[in-house]
Protein backbone atom coordinates (compact mmCIF):
# COMPACT_ATOMS: atom_id res chain seq x y z
CA MET A 1 -97.36 19.91 183.45
CA ILE A 2 -100.46 22.06 183.66
CA ASP A 3 -99.85 25.31 185.41
CA ILE A 4 -102.10 26.74 188.13
CA ALA A 5 -103.63 29.44 185.86
CA GLU A 6 -104.67 26.87 183.31
CA ARG A 7 -106.17 24.66 186.03
CA VAL A 8 -108.10 27.66 187.46
CA ARG A 9 -109.40 28.59 184.02
CA GLU A 10 -110.59 24.99 183.47
CA VAL A 11 -112.64 25.07 186.69
CA ILE A 12 -114.14 28.45 185.90
CA ALA A 13 -114.93 27.34 182.33
CA LEU A 14 -116.54 24.11 183.56
CA HIS A 15 -118.90 25.91 185.94
CA LEU A 16 -119.68 28.94 183.83
CA GLY A 17 -119.81 27.32 180.45
CA ALA A 18 -117.39 30.00 179.33
CA ALA A 19 -114.74 29.39 176.64
CA GLU A 20 -111.48 28.61 178.36
CA THR A 21 -109.51 29.91 175.36
CA GLY A 22 -109.31 33.61 175.42
CA MET A 23 -110.29 33.89 179.10
CA THR A 24 -108.07 36.73 180.17
CA GLU A 25 -106.99 37.41 183.77
CA ASP A 26 -108.87 40.66 183.75
CA ALA A 27 -112.14 39.04 182.80
CA LYS A 28 -114.74 39.61 185.56
CA LEU A 29 -116.53 36.51 186.71
CA VAL A 30 -119.93 38.26 186.42
CA ASP A 31 -119.12 39.18 182.80
CA LEU A 32 -118.56 35.51 182.20
CA GLY A 33 -122.04 34.81 183.49
CA ALA A 34 -121.38 34.11 187.16
CA ASP A 35 -123.92 34.77 189.88
CA SER A 36 -123.20 34.26 193.58
CA LEU A 37 -124.13 30.52 193.41
CA ASP A 38 -121.75 30.04 190.47
CA VAL A 39 -118.89 31.76 192.35
CA TYR A 40 -119.66 29.48 195.37
CA GLU A 41 -119.42 26.36 193.11
CA VAL A 42 -116.16 27.54 191.54
CA VAL A 43 -114.70 28.13 194.96
CA MET A 44 -115.76 24.61 196.15
CA SER A 45 -114.17 23.08 193.04
CA LEU A 46 -110.95 25.11 193.52
CA GLU A 47 -110.77 23.92 197.17
CA GLU A 48 -111.12 20.33 196.03
CA LYS A 49 -108.75 20.56 193.10
CA PHE A 50 -105.92 22.27 195.10
CA ASN A 51 -106.73 20.74 198.44
CA ILE A 52 -106.95 24.17 200.18
CA HIS A 53 -109.55 26.12 202.25
CA ILE A 54 -110.99 29.33 200.95
CA THR A 55 -112.80 31.50 203.47
CA ASP A 56 -115.94 33.55 202.67
CA HIS A 57 -113.79 36.65 203.11
CA ASP A 58 -111.36 35.37 200.45
CA THR A 59 -114.23 34.44 198.14
CA ALA A 60 -115.47 38.02 198.16
CA CYS A 61 -112.12 39.02 196.68
CA PHE A 62 -112.68 36.78 193.61
CA VAL A 63 -113.85 39.49 191.19
CA THR A 64 -111.74 38.55 188.20
CA VAL A 65 -110.14 35.34 186.80
CA GLY A 66 -106.75 36.87 187.79
CA ASP A 67 -107.92 37.32 191.36
CA ALA A 68 -108.72 33.65 191.57
CA ILE A 69 -105.41 32.61 189.96
CA ALA A 70 -103.41 34.95 192.27
CA PHE A 71 -105.14 33.66 195.38
CA ILE A 72 -104.55 29.93 194.45
CA ARG A 73 -100.88 30.72 193.58
CA SER A 74 -100.49 32.34 197.05
CA LYS A 75 -101.87 29.25 198.68
CA VAL A 76 -100.22 26.57 196.62
CA GLY A 77 -96.90 28.19 196.24
């Protein structure tokens, strides 16, 4: 079974063209090449993949890969 962290990394890697292997939780999305549109696309994909809603306020908190993983874990349980 694929865990949440791995699934979040897959989504980020898909949208940013970043290598999923070696993507640490403290890696900043901007350092992986993300601009605001990229972050928006990542959020939309995460909403779809995990069947959740992510507000604009929550999106602003997605600074690192770990932030995204922690948020998804808090919503999915």
